Amino acid sequence: MDIQSIYTLIETDMVDVDVMIHARLQSDVALINQLSHYIINSGGKRLRPALVILSARACGYKGQHYANLATIIEFIHTATLLHDDVVDGSEMRRGKETANTLWGNEASVLVGDFLYTRAFEMMVEMDSMPLMKILSNTTNIIAEGEVLQLLNCNDPDTNEATYLQVIHHKTAKLFEAAGQLGAVISKSPNNLELAMAKYAMHLGSAFQLVDDILDYSESSETIGKNIGDDLAEGKPTLPLIYAMQHGNDSQKQIIRHAIENGERDHIDKIITIIQDTGAIDYTNQAALKEAQNAKEALEPLPSSIYKDALLSLADFSVERHY
């Protein structure tokens, strides 16, 4: 099952989510409407909302609350993107200018705050303490991940374990929540809830690892952001960490200088070093392992077309080029 088939399977449900997203974006403040609609409609894959739907359907859910939860997840994700772009000074996302480039850092941060608080309003409306507990813990861990990443910026001595801790907090945790929530609203037994959380956590890790590979192996047009953005932001991702560990002294010095100074001036040389040291292959193997762990986590789930879609989504996470 390819990615288009996965989205076709849940097409009606995704329409309901899109309706909910646009309804709950509304504000009496014009700038909030303008900026939030811009980033929400800027071409994202809506992957996390899709994961809520797929996990719920795979667990046998027949109700309509998936739309609320999928919207909450998308609002939290979008808020993190707005804040990330300000912290990183990013100018391009999904092939478009970032919101902070168009409206400024202040507006981007404040609209991100609006999306966070609107998400929490919607959580309260669902009147479910288990859901609130998962989502509040998730947002807290994401915030910790942002701070951890900030601490690692421009530090060429960051090791693989620290990097993996960052991506688990910053990226995989929201995936984990999306998968777990689908099981919770389905009132699934504890073993299925844990299975869905584990699947989604490994899926999110695989996605982030592949994103880190794409930053050094695809074109700006393909990935929708500037090549070497992570390097320019001083982020020591796994390809850089591995290349630092396995390069010669000259290669290590080039990468160390680039990370410390947050620059892409020698991006061509660094891409060559990453390829020559086997860093791309190493990171790809790490992503493949995460995808396989995700698929194995689904073993307790009963067979269904939705389980098949979740398995295919794990394959897509490591086969994609964007």
C-alpha atoms as a PDB file:
ATOM      1  CA  MET A   1       0.000   0.000   0.000  1.00  0.00           C
ATOM      2  CA  ASP A   2       1.598   3.317  -1.051  1.00  0.00           C
ATOM      3  CA  ILE A   3       1.173   6.633   0.758  1.00  0.00           C
ATOM      4  CA  GLN A   4      -1.570   7.810  -1.583  1.00  0.00           C
ATOM      5  CA  SER A   5      -3.544   4.622  -0.934  1.00  0.00           C
ATOM      6  CA  ILE A   6      -3.189   5.184   2.805  1.00  0.00           C
ATOM      7  CA  TYR A   7      -4.644   8.673   2.537  1.00  0.00           C
ATOM      8  CA  THR A   8      -7.393   7.438   0.207  1.00  0.00           C
ATOM      9  CA  LEU A   9      -8.376   4.860   2.823  1.00  0.00           C
ATOM     10  CA  ILE A  10      -9.077   7.586   5.396  1.00  0.00           C
ATOM     11  CA  GLU A  11     -10.080  10.321   2.938  1.00  0.00           C
ATOM     12  CA  THR A  12     -13.541  10.922   4.430  1.00  0.00           C
ATOM     13  CA  ASP A  13     -12.142  11.042   7.958  1.00  0.00           C
ATOM     14  CA  MET A  14      -9.413  13.483   6.885  1.00  0.00           C
ATOM     15  CA  VAL A  15     -12.046  15.773   5.360  1.00  0.00           C
ATOM     16  CA  ASP A  16     -13.786  15.840   8.747  1.00  0.00           C
ATOM     17  CA  VAL A  17     -10.471  16.735  10.383  1.00  0.00           C
ATOM     18  CA  ASP A  18      -9.801  19.544   7.903  1.00  0.00           C
ATOM     19  CA  VAL A  19     -13.262  20.984   8.588  1.00  0.00           C
ATOM     20  CA  MET A  20     -12.569  20.841  12.311  1.00  0.00           C
ATOM     21  CA  ILE A  21      -9.128  22.427  11.914  1.00  0.00           C
ATOM     22  CA  HIS A  22     -10.452  25.421  10.009  1.00  0.00           C
ATOM     23  CA  ALA A  23     -13.448  25.838  12.317  1.00  0.00           C
ATOM     24  CA  ARG A  24     -11.267  25.891  15.437  1.00  0.00           C
ATOM     25  CA  LEU A  25      -8.651  28.211  13.942  1.00  0.00           C
ATOM     26  CA  GLN A  26     -11.117  31.085  13.970  1.00  0.00           C
ATOM     27  CA  SER A  27     -10.317  34.103  16.106  1.00  0.00           C
ATOM     28  CA  ASP A  28     -11.607  37.649  16.437  1.00  0.00           C
ATOM     29  CA  VAL A  29      -8.011  38.788  15.901  1.00  0.00           C
ATOM     30  CA  ALA A  30      -7.353  39.110  12.162  1.00  0.00           C
ATOM     31  CA  LEU A  31      -3.609  38.469  12.371  1.00  0.00           C
ATOM     32  CA  ILE A  32      -4.183  35.171  14.157  1.00  0.00           C
ATOM     33  CA  ASN A  33      -6.534  34.051  11.369  1.00  0.00           C
ATOM     34  CA  GLN A  34      -4.122  35.153   8.673  1.00  0.00           C
ATOM     35  CA  LEU A  35      -0.929  33.675  10.072  1.00  0.00           C
ATOM     36  CA  SER A  36      -2.385  30.434  11.437  1.00  0.00           C
ATOM     37  CA  HIS A  37      -4.248  29.667   8.206  1.00  0.00           C
ATOM     38  CA  TYR A  38      -1.039  30.347   6.275  1.00  0.00           C
ATOM     39  CA  ILE A  39       1.013  27.746   8.121  1.00  0.00           C
ATOM     40  CA  ILE A  40      -1.815  25.200   8.494  1.00  0.00           C
ATOM     41  CA  ASN A  41      -2.418  25.341   4.719  1.00  0.00           C
ATOM     42  CA  SER A  42       1.233  25.417   3.687  1.00  0.00           C
ATOM     43  CA  GLY A  43       1.425  21.914   2.286  1.00  0.00           C
ATOM     44  CA  GLY A  44       2.167  19.652   5.243  1.00  0.00           C
ATOM     45  CA  LYS A  45       1.426  15.934   5.021  1.00  0.00           C
ATOM     46  CA  ARG A  46      -1.054  15.994   7.950  1.00  0.00           C
ATOM     47  CA  LEU A  47       0.770  12.861   9.012  1.00  0.00           C
ATOM     48  CA  ARG A  48       0.081  13.093  12.728  1.00  0.00           C
ATOM     49  CA  PRO A  49      -3.697  13.587  12.308  1.00  0.00           C
ATOM     50  CA  ALA A  50      -3.683  10.654   9.872  1.00  0.00           C
ATOM     51  CA  LEU A  51      -1.921   8.568  12.517  1.00  0.00           C
ATOM     52  CA  VAL A  52      -4.661   9.349  15.056  1.00  0.00           C
ATOM     53  CA  ILE A  53      -7.293   8.159  12.579  1.00  0.00           C
ATOM     54  CA  LEU A  54      -5.419   5.035  11.493  1.00  0.00           C
ATOM     55  CA  SER A  55      -4.657   3.973  15.049  1.00  0.00           C
ATOM     56  CA  ALA A  56      -8.258   4.512  16.138  1.00  0.00           C
ATOM     57  CA  ARG A  57      -9.653   2.574  13.173  1.00  0.00           C
ATOM     58  CA  ALA A  58      -7.068  -0.197  13.605  1.00  0.00           C
ATOM     59  CA  CYS A  59      -8.324  -0.553  17.196  1.00  0.00           C
ATOM     60  CA  GLY A  60     -11.925  -0.793  16.012  1.00  0.00           C
ATOM     61  CA  TYR A  61     -13.108   2.735  16.821  1.00  0.00           C
ATOM     62  CA  LYS A  62     -16.461   3.687  15.246  1.00  0.00           C
ATOM     63  CA  GLY A  63     -17.098   7.113  16.790  1.00  0.00           C
ATOM     64  CA  GLN A  64     -16.308  10.697  15.770  1.00  0.00           C
ATOM     65  CA  HIS A  65     -13.964  11.974  18.503  1.00  0.00           C
ATOM     66  CA  TYR A  66     -10.950  11.206  16.312  1.00  0.00           C
ATOM     67  CA  ALA A  67     -11.519  14.567  14.558  1.00  0.00           C
ATOM     68  CA  ASN A  68     -11.115  16.494  17.826  1.00  0.00           C
ATOM     69  CA  LEU A  69      -7.969  14.593  18.784  1.00  0.00           C
ATOM     70  CA  ALA A  70      -6.451  14.818  15.301  1.00  0.00           C
ATOM     71  CA  THR A  71      -7.034  18.577  15.335  1.00  0.00           C
ATOM     72  CA  ILE A  72      -5.469  18.931  18.781  1.00  0.00           C
ATOM     73  CA  ILE A  73      -2.405  17.001  17.603  1.00  0.00           C
ATOM     74  CA  GLU A  74      -2.107  19.141  14.462  1.00  0.00           C
ATOM     75  CA  PHE A  75      -2.404  22.384  16.458  1.00  0.00           C
ATOM     76  CA  ILE A  76       0.324  21.282  18.875  1.00  0.00           C
ATOM     77  CA  HIS A  77       2.539  20.283  15.957  1.00  0.00           C
ATOM     78  CA  THR A  78       1.952  23.576  14.146  1.00  0.00           C
ATOM     79  CA  ALA A  79       2.689  25.566  17.298  1.00  0.00           C
ATOM     80  CA  THR A  80       6.038  23.783  17.602  1.00  0.00           C
ATOM     81  CA  LEU A  81       6.838  24.605  13.969  1.00  0.00           C
ATOM     82  CA  LEU A  82       6.139  28.298  14.512  1.00  0.00           C
ATOM     83  CA  HIS A  83       8.337  28.377  17.610  1.00  0.00           C
ATOM     84  CA  ASP A  84      11.061  26.249  15.965  1.00  0.00           C
ATOM     85  CA  ASP A  85      11.362  28.579  12.990  1.00  0.00           C
ATOM     86  CA  VAL A  86      11.833  31.548  15.296  1.00  0.00           C
ATOM     87  CA  VAL A  87      14.442  29.804  17.444  1.00  0.00           C
ATOM     88  CA  ASP A  88      16.278  28.492  14.363  1.00  0.00           C
ATOM     89  CA  GLY A  89      15.925  31.646  12.287  1.00  0.00           C
ATOM     90  CA  SER A  90      14.526  29.541   9.430  1.00  0.00           C
ATOM     91  CA  GLU A  91      13.492  31.248   6.223  1.00  0.00           C
ATOM     92  CA  MET A  92      11.887  28.368   4.333  1.00  0.00           C
ATOM     93  CA  ARG A  93       9.556  25.512   5.276  1.00  0.00           C
ATOM     94  CA  ARG A  94       7.632  23.216   2.939  1.00  0.00           C
ATOM     95  CA  GLY A  95       8.914  25.203  -0.015  1.00  0.00           C
ATOM     96  CA  LYS A  96       7.443  28.484   1.237  1.00  0.00           C
ATOM     97  CA  GLU A  97       8.676  31.413   3.276  1.00  0.00           C
ATOM     98  CA  THR A  98       8.271  30.805   6.988  1.00  0.00           C
ATOM     99  CA  ALA A  99       5.696  32.732   8.974  1.00  0.00           C
ATOM    100  CA  ASN A 100       8.400  34.549  10.921  1.00  0.00           C
ATOM    101  CA  THR A 101       9.929  35.735   7.655  1.00  0.00           C
ATOM    102  CA  LEU A 102       6.596  37.211   6.559  1.00  0.00           C
ATOM    103  CA  TRP A 103       5.130  38.474   9.835  1.00  0.00           C
ATOM    104  CA  GLY A 104       8.104  38.649  12.207  1.00  0.00           C
ATOM    105  CA  ASN A 105       9.231  36.648  15.208  1.00  0.00           C
ATOM    106  CA  GLU A 106       6.875  38.281  17.693  1.00  0.00           C
ATOM    107  CA  ALA A 107       3.720  37.429  15.747  1.00  0.00           C
ATOM    108  CA  SER A 108       4.914  33.865  15.083  1.00  0.00           C
ATOM    109  CA  VAL A 109       5.609  33.163  18.754  1.00  0.00           C
ATOM    110  CA  LEU A 110       2.281  34.607  19.878  1.00  0.00           C
ATOM    111  CA  VAL A 111       0.232  32.759  17.262  1.00  0.00           C
ATOM    112  CA  GLY A 112       2.069  29.591  18.266  1.00  0.00           C
ATOM    113  CA  ASP A 113       0.919  30.280  21.818  1.00  0.00           C
ATOM    114  CA  PHE A 114      -2.640  30.737  20.529  1.00  0.00           C
ATOM    115  CA  LEU A 115      -2.536  27.319  18.850  1.00  0.00           C
ATOM    116  CA  TYR A 116      -1.231  25.689  22.038  1.00  0.00           C
ATOM    117  CA  THR A 117      -3.959  27.233  24.151  1.00  0.00           C
ATOM    118  CA  ARG A 118      -6.685  26.459  21.609  1.00  0.00           C
ATOM    119  CA  ALA A 119      -5.504  22.837  21.677  1.00  0.00           C
ATOM    120  CA  PHE A 120      -5.853  22.794  25.473  1.00  0.00           C
ATOM    121  CA  GLU A 121      -9.324  24.333  25.228  1.00  0.00           C
ATOM    122  CA  MET A 122     -10.313  21.444  22.982  1.00  0.00           C
ATOM    123  CA  MET A 123      -8.779  18.924  25.397  1.00  0.00           C
ATOM    124  CA  VAL A 124     -10.900  20.290  28.231  1.00  0.00           C
ATOM    125  CA  GLU A 125     -14.016  20.080  26.056  1.00  0.00           C
ATOM    126  CA  MET A 126     -13.442  16.343  25.616  1.00  0.00           C
ATOM    127  CA  ASP A 127     -13.735  15.968  29.414  1.00  0.00           C
ATOM    128  CA  SER A 128     -11.388  12.981  29.631  1.00  0.00           C
ATOM    129  CA  MET A 129      -8.647  12.942  32.245  1.00  0.00           C
ATOM    130  CA  PRO A 130      -6.710  10.095  30.540  1.00  0.00           C
ATOM    131  CA  LEU A 131      -6.562  12.105  27.300  1.00  0.00           C
ATOM    132  CA  MET A 132      -5.563  15.255  29.185  1.00  0.00           C
ATOM    133  CA  LYS A 133      -2.821  13.364  31.004  1.00  0.00           C
ATOM    134  CA  ILE A 134      -1.294  12.034  27.761  1.00  0.00           C
ATOM    135  CA  LEU A 135      -1.466  15.349  25.923  1.00  0.00           C
ATOM    136  CA  SER A 136      -0.235  17.542  28.770  1.00  0.00           C
ATOM    137  CA  ASN A 137       2.695  15.189  29.381  1.00  0.00           C
ATOM    138  CA  THR A 138       3.436  15.171  25.661  1.00  0.00           C
ATOM    139  CA  THR A 139       3.582  18.954  25.342  1.00  0.00           C
ATOM    140  CA  ASN A 140       5.817  19.148  28.401  1.00  0.00           C
ATOM    141  CA  ILE A 141       8.264  16.596  26.989  1.00  0.00           C
ATOM    142  CA  ILE A 142       8.301  18.369  23.615  1.00  0.00           C
ATOM    143  CA  ALA A 143       9.264  21.588  25.408  1.00  0.00           C
ATOM    144  CA  GLU A 144      12.075  19.741  27.184  1.00  0.00           C
ATOM    145  CA  GLY A 145      13.237  18.448  23.818  1.00  0.00           C
ATOM    146  CA  GLU A 146      13.373  21.959  22.425  1.00  0.00           C
ATOM    147  CA  VAL A 147      15.555  23.067  25.330  1.00  0.00           C
ATOM    148  CA  LEU A 148      17.801  19.999  25.002  1.00  0.00           C
ATOM    149  CA  GLN A 149      18.299  20.763  21.321  1.00  0.00           C
ATOM    150  CA  LEU A 150      19.112  24.376  22.135  1.00  0.00           C
ATOM    151  CA  LEU A 151      21.750  23.205  24.612  1.00  0.00           C
ATOM    152  CA  ASN A 152      23.292  20.959  21.943  1.00  0.00           C
ATOM    153  CA  CYS A 153      23.409  23.637  19.260  1.00  0.00           C
ATOM    154  CA  ASN A 154      26.939  24.562  18.163  1.00  0.00           C
ATOM    155  CA  ASP A 155      28.336  21.697  20.257  1.00  0.00           C
ATOM    156  CA  PRO A 156      30.388  19.379  18.003  1.00  0.00           C
ATOM    157  CA  ASP A 157      30.967  16.998  20.928  1.00  0.00           C
ATOM    158  CA  THR A 158      27.288  16.001  21.109  1.00  0.00           C
ATOM    159  CA  ASN A 159      27.105  12.191  21.082  1.00  0.00           C
ATOM    160  CA  GLU A 160      24.611   9.819  19.510  1.00  0.00           C
ATOM    161  CA  ALA A 161      22.800   9.047  22.771  1.00  0.00           C
ATOM    162  CA  THR A 162      22.145  12.722  23.437  1.00  0.00           C
ATOM    163  CA  TYR A 163      20.973  13.256  19.864  1.00  0.00           C
ATOM    164  CA  LEU A 164      18.542  10.310  20.133  1.00  0.00           C
ATOM    165  CA  GLN A 165      17.188  11.742  23.388  1.00  0.00           C
ATOM    166  CA  VAL A 166      16.453  15.010  21.594  1.00  0.00           C
ATOM    167  CA  ILE A 167      14.573  13.409  18.705  1.00  0.00           C
ATOM    168  CA  HIS A 168      12.569  11.213  21.064  1.00  0.00           C
ATOM    169  CA  HIS A 169      11.476  14.254  23.061  1.00  0.00           C
ATOM    170  CA  LYS A 170      11.121  16.710  20.228  1.00  0.00           C
ATOM    171  CA  THR A 171       9.658  14.595  17.416  1.00  0.00           C
ATOM    172  CA  ALA A 172       8.805  11.024  18.369  1.00  0.00           C
ATOM    173  CA  LYS A 173       6.791  11.961  21.470  1.00  0.00           C
ATOM    174  CA  LEU A 174       4.005  13.651  19.501  1.00  0.00           C
ATOM    175  CA  PHE A 175       3.856  10.660  17.148  1.00  0.00           C
ATOM    176  CA  GLU A 176       3.636   8.429  20.207  1.00  0.00           C
ATOM    177  CA  ALA A 177       0.727  10.445  21.577  1.00  0.00           C
ATOM    178  CA  ALA A 178      -1.095  10.327  18.230  1.00  0.00           C
ATOM    179  CA  GLY A 179      -0.879   6.538  18.134  1.00  0.00           C
ATOM    180  CA  GLN A 180      -1.743   6.062  21.784  1.00  0.00           C
ATOM    181  CA  LEU A 181      -4.753   8.387  21.669  1.00  0.00           C
ATOM    182  CA  GLY A 182      -6.358   6.342  18.899  1.00  0.00           C
ATOM    183  CA  ALA A 183      -6.223   3.295  21.166  1.00  0.00           C
ATOM    184  CA  VAL A 184      -7.462   5.229  24.206  1.00  0.00           C
ATOM    185  CA  ILE A 185     -10.626   6.551  22.545  1.00  0.00           C
ATOM    186  CA  SER A 186     -11.255   3.017  21.251  1.00  0.00           C
ATOM    187  CA  LYS A 187     -11.201   1.815  24.879  1.00  0.00           C
ATOM    188  CA  SER A 188      -8.633  -0.779  23.831  1.00  0.00           C
ATOM    189  CA  PRO A 189      -7.013  -3.065  26.397  1.00  0.00           C
ATOM    190  CA  ASN A 190      -3.749  -1.919  27.896  1.00  0.00           C
ATOM    191  CA  ASN A 191      -1.588  -4.161  25.700  1.00  0.00           C
ATOM    192  CA  LEU A 192      -2.990  -2.597  22.505  1.00  0.00           C
ATOM    193  CA  GLU A 193      -2.592   0.929  23.894  1.00  0.00           C
ATOM    194  CA  LEU A 194       1.050   0.199  24.684  1.00  0.00           C
ATOM    195  CA  ALA A 195       1.523  -1.400  21.264  1.00  0.00           C
ATOM    196  CA  MET A 196       0.168   1.651  19.461  1.00  0.00           C
ATOM    197  CA  ALA A 197       2.290   4.025  21.563  1.00  0.00           C
ATOM    198  CA  LYS A 198       5.423   1.972  20.880  1.00  0.00           C
ATOM    199  CA  TYR A 199       4.664   1.720  17.158  1.00  0.00           C
ATOM    200  CA  ALA A 200       4.145   5.457  16.814  1.00  0.00           C
ATOM    201  CA  MET A 201       7.227   6.343  18.856  1.00  0.00           C
ATOM    202  CA  HIS A 202       9.468   4.232  16.608  1.00  0.00           C
ATOM    203  CA  LEU A 203       7.691   5.618  13.538  1.00  0.00           C
ATOM    204  CA  GLY A 204       8.423   9.181  14.647  1.00  0.00           C
ATOM    205  CA  SER A 205      12.071   8.334  15.270  1.00  0.00           C
ATOM    206  CA  ALA A 206      12.357   6.833  11.787  1.00  0.00           C
ATOM    207  CA  PHE A 207      10.828   9.943  10.238  1.00  0.00           C
ATOM    208  CA  GLN A 208      13.259  12.246  12.026  1.00  0.00           C
ATOM    209  CA  LEU A 209      16.284  10.152  11.098  1.00  0.00           C
ATOM    210  CA  VAL A 210      15.259  10.245   7.443  1.00  0.00           C
ATOM    211  CA  ASP A 211      14.712  14.011   7.674  1.00  0.00           C
ATOM    212  CA  ASP A 212      18.292  14.305   8.894  1.00  0.00           C
ATOM    213  CA  ILE A 213      19.499  12.232   5.935  1.00  0.00           C
ATOM    214  CA  LEU A 214      17.526  14.333   3.445  1.00  0.00           C
ATOM    215  CA  ASP A 215      19.212  17.496   4.711  1.00  0.00           C
ATOM    216  CA  TYR A 216      22.426  16.243   3.112  1.00  0.00           C
ATOM    217  CA  SER A 217      21.190  14.141   0.207  1.00  0.00           C
ATOM    218  CA  GLU A 218      18.308  15.880  -1.588  1.00  0.00           C
ATOM    219  CA  SER A 219      17.699  19.238  -3.257  1.00  0.00           C
ATOM    220  CA  SER A 220      16.063  22.239  -1.599  1.00  0.00           C
ATOM    221  CA  GLU A 221      13.134  21.926  -4.009  1.00  0.00           C
ATOM    222  CA  THR A 222      12.593  18.296  -3.020  1.00  0.00           C
ATOM    223  CA  ILE A 223      12.700  18.697   0.760  1.00  0.00           C
ATOM    224  CA  GLY A 224      11.067  22.129   0.886  1.00  0.00           C
ATOM    225  CA  LYS A 225      13.812  23.851   2.867  1.00  0.00           C
ATOM    226  CA  ASN A 226      17.376  24.993   2.277  1.00  0.00           C
ATOM    227  CA  ILE A 227      19.962  22.219   2.064  1.00  0.00           C
ATOM    228  CA  GLY A 228      22.208  22.259   5.104  1.00  0.00           C
ATOM    229  CA  ASP A 229      19.719  24.160   7.264  1.00  0.00           C
ATOM    230  CA  ASP A 230      20.527  21.916  10.237  1.00  0.00           C
ATOM    231  CA  LEU A 231      24.202  22.718   9.822  1.00  0.00           C
ATOM    232  CA  ALA A 232      23.529  26.445   9.484  1.00  0.00           C
ATOM    233  CA  GLU A 233      21.610  26.255  12.755  1.00  0.00           C
ATOM    234  CA  GLY A 234      24.514  24.469  14.450  1.00  0.00           C
ATOM    235  CA  LYS A 235      22.525  21.256  14.957  1.00  0.00           C
ATOM    236  CA  PRO A 236      24.711  18.156  15.332  1.00  0.00           C
ATOM    237  CA  THR A 237      22.426  15.533  13.751  1.00  0.00           C
ATOM    238  CA  LEU A 238      23.354  11.860  13.432  1.00  0.00           C
ATOM    239  CA  PRO A 239      25.036  12.099   9.982  1.00  0.00           C
ATOM    240  CA  LEU A 240      27.332  14.821  11.349  1.00  0.00           C
ATOM    241  CA  ILE A 241      27.970  13.008  14.629  1.00  0.00           C
ATOM    242  CA  TYR A 242      28.939   9.801  12.811  1.00  0.00           C
ATOM    243  CA  ALA A 243      31.130  11.655  10.301  1.00  0.00           C
ATOM    244  CA  MET A 244      32.890  13.421  13.180  1.00  0.00           C
ATOM    245  CA  GLN A 245      33.612  10.072  14.828  1.00  0.00           C
ATOM    246  CA  HIS A 246      34.865   8.334  11.679  1.00  0.00           C
ATOM    247  CA  GLY A 247      36.495  11.070   9.606  1.00  0.00           C
ATOM    248  CA  ASN A 248      40.174  11.899   9.513  1.00  0.00           C
ATOM    249  CA  ASP A 249      41.557  14.861  11.436  1.00  0.00           C
ATOM    250  CA  SER A 250      41.059  17.275   8.545  1.00  0.00           C
ATOM    251  CA  GLN A 251      37.475  16.148   7.978  1.00  0.00           C
ATOM    252  CA  LYS A 252      36.682  16.370  11.690  1.00  0.00           C
ATOM    253  CA  GLN A 253      38.026  19.904  11.826  1.00  0.00           C
ATOM    254  CA  ILE A 254      35.868  21.045   8.906  1.00  0.00           C
ATOM    255  CA  ILE A 255      32.705  19.670  10.519  1.00  0.00           C
ATOM    256  CA  ARG A 256      33.638  20.921  13.991  1.00  0.00           C
ATOM    257  CA  HIS A 257      34.167  24.443  12.666  1.00  0.00           C
ATOM    258  CA  ALA A 258      30.850  24.386  10.786  1.00  0.00           C
ATOM    259  CA  ILE A 259      28.868  23.202  13.817  1.00  0.00           C
ATOM    260  CA  GLU A 260      30.543  25.642  16.192  1.00  0.00           C
ATOM    261  CA  ASN A 261      29.902  28.592  13.876  1.00  0.00           C
ATOM    262  CA  GLY A 262      26.560  27.509  12.428  1.00  0.00           C
ATOM    263  CA  GLU A 263      27.483  27.908   8.787  1.00  0.00           C
ATOM    264  CA  ARG A 264      26.958  26.147   5.490  1.00  0.00           C
ATOM    265  CA  ASP A 265      29.853  27.849   3.647  1.00  0.00           C
ATOM    266  CA  HIS A 266      31.539  24.488   3.046  1.00  0.00           C
ATOM    267  CA  ILE A 267      28.349  22.465   2.596  1.00  0.00           C
ATOM    268  CA  ASP A 268      29.649  20.676  -0.535  1.00  0.00           C
ATOM    269  CA  LYS A 269      32.772  19.514   1.305  1.00  0.00           C
ATOM    270  CA  ILE A 270      30.717  18.421   4.294  1.00  0.00           C
ATOM    271  CA  ILE A 271      28.272  16.448   2.135  1.00  0.00           C
ATOM    272  CA  THR A 272      31.270  14.677   0.569  1.00  0.00           C
ATOM    273  CA  ILE A 273      32.685  13.903   4.025  1.00  0.00           C
ATOM    274  CA  ILE A 274      29.327  12.564   5.199  1.00  0.00           C
ATOM    275  CA  GLN A 275      29.129  10.299   2.165  1.00  0.00           C
ATOM    276  CA  ASP A 276      32.777   9.169   2.345  1.00  0.00           C
ATOM    277  CA  THR A 277      32.566   8.223   6.019  1.00  0.00           C
ATOM    278  CA  GLY A 278      29.419   6.148   5.508  1.00  0.00           C
ATOM    279  CA  ALA A 279      27.344   8.467   7.700  1.00  0.00           C
ATOM    280  CA  ILE A 280      24.350   8.395   5.348  1.00  0.00           C
ATOM    281  CA  ASP A 281      24.318   4.591   5.287  1.00  0.00           C
ATOM    282  CA  TYR A 282      24.712   4.429   9.057  1.00  0.00           C
ATOM    283  CA  THR A 283      21.835   6.839   9.663  1.00  0.00           C
ATOM    284  CA  ASN A 284      19.702   5.017   7.105  1.00  0.00           C
ATOM    285  CA  GLN A 285      20.312   1.728   8.916  1.00  0.00           C
ATOM    286  CA  ALA A 286      19.262   3.372  12.175  1.00  0.00           C
ATOM    287  CA  ALA A 287      16.043   4.576  10.488  1.00  0.00           C
ATOM    288  CA  LEU A 288      15.364   1.111   9.033  1.00  0.00           C
ATOM    289  CA  LYS A 289      15.765  -0.396  12.499  1.00  0.00           C
ATOM    290  CA  GLU A 290      13.260   2.075  13.938  1.00  0.00           C
ATOM    291  CA  ALA A 291      10.783   1.291  11.146  1.00  0.00           C
ATOM    292  CA  GLN A 292      11.181  -2.443  11.757  1.00  0.00           C
ATOM    293  CA  ASN A 293      10.655  -1.950  15.493  1.00  0.00           C
ATOM    294  CA  ALA A 294       7.496  -0.008  14.676  1.00  0.00           C
ATOM    295  CA  LYS A 295       6.147  -2.830  12.524  1.00  0.00           C
ATOM    296  CA  GLU A 296       6.958  -5.461  15.146  1.00  0.00           C
ATOM    297  CA  ALA A 297       5.125  -3.437  17.776  1.00  0.00           C
ATOM    298  CA  LEU A 298       1.880  -3.933  15.816  1.00  0.00           C
ATOM    299  CA  GLU A 299       1.861  -7.721  16.265  1.00  0.00           C
ATOM    300  CA  PRO A 300      -0.837  -7.660  19.011  1.00  0.00           C
ATOM    301  CA  LEU A 301      -3.267  -5.757  16.754  1.00  0.00           C
ATOM    302  CA  PRO A 302      -5.923  -7.790  14.945  1.00  0.00           C
ATOM    303  CA  SER A 303      -5.616  -8.006  11.161  1.00  0.00           C
ATOM    304  CA  SER A 304      -7.369  -5.228   9.232  1.00  0.00           C
ATOM    305  CA  ILE A 305      -6.857  -2.917   6.297  1.00  0.00           C
ATOM    306  CA  TYR A 306      -5.961  -0.199   8.814  1.00  0.00           C
ATOM    307  CA  LYS A 307      -3.228  -2.344  10.353  1.00  0.00           C
ATOM    308  CA  ASP A 308      -1.930  -2.911   6.825  1.00  0.00           C
ATOM    309  CA  ALA A 309      -1.889   0.854   6.325  1.00  0.00           C
ATOM    310  CA  LEU A 310       0.106   1.347   9.531  1.00  0.00           C
ATOM    311  CA  LEU A 311       2.637  -1.239   8.362  1.00  0.00           C
ATOM    312  CA  SER A 312       2.901   0.521   5.000  1.00  0.00           C
ATOM    313  CA  LEU A 313       3.325   3.872   6.740  1.00  0.00           C
ATOM    314  CA  ALA A 314       6.401   2.487   8.502  1.00  0.00           C
ATOM    315  CA  ASP A 315       7.822   1.492   5.105  1.00  0.00           C
ATOM    316  CA  PHE A 316       7.042   4.934   3.680  1.00  0.00           C
ATOM    317  CA  SER A 317       8.867   6.609   6.570  1.00  0.00           C
ATOM    318  CA  VAL A 318      12.197   5.244   5.332  1.00  0.00           C
ATOM    319  CA  GLU A 319      11.556   5.124   1.570  1.00  0.00           C
ATOM    320  CA  ARG A 320      10.516   8.748   1.063  1.00  0.00           C
ATOM    321  CA  HIS A 321      12.566  11.506  -0.555  1.00  0.00           C
ATOM    322  CA  TYR A 322      10.692  14.513   0.890  1.00  0.00           C
END
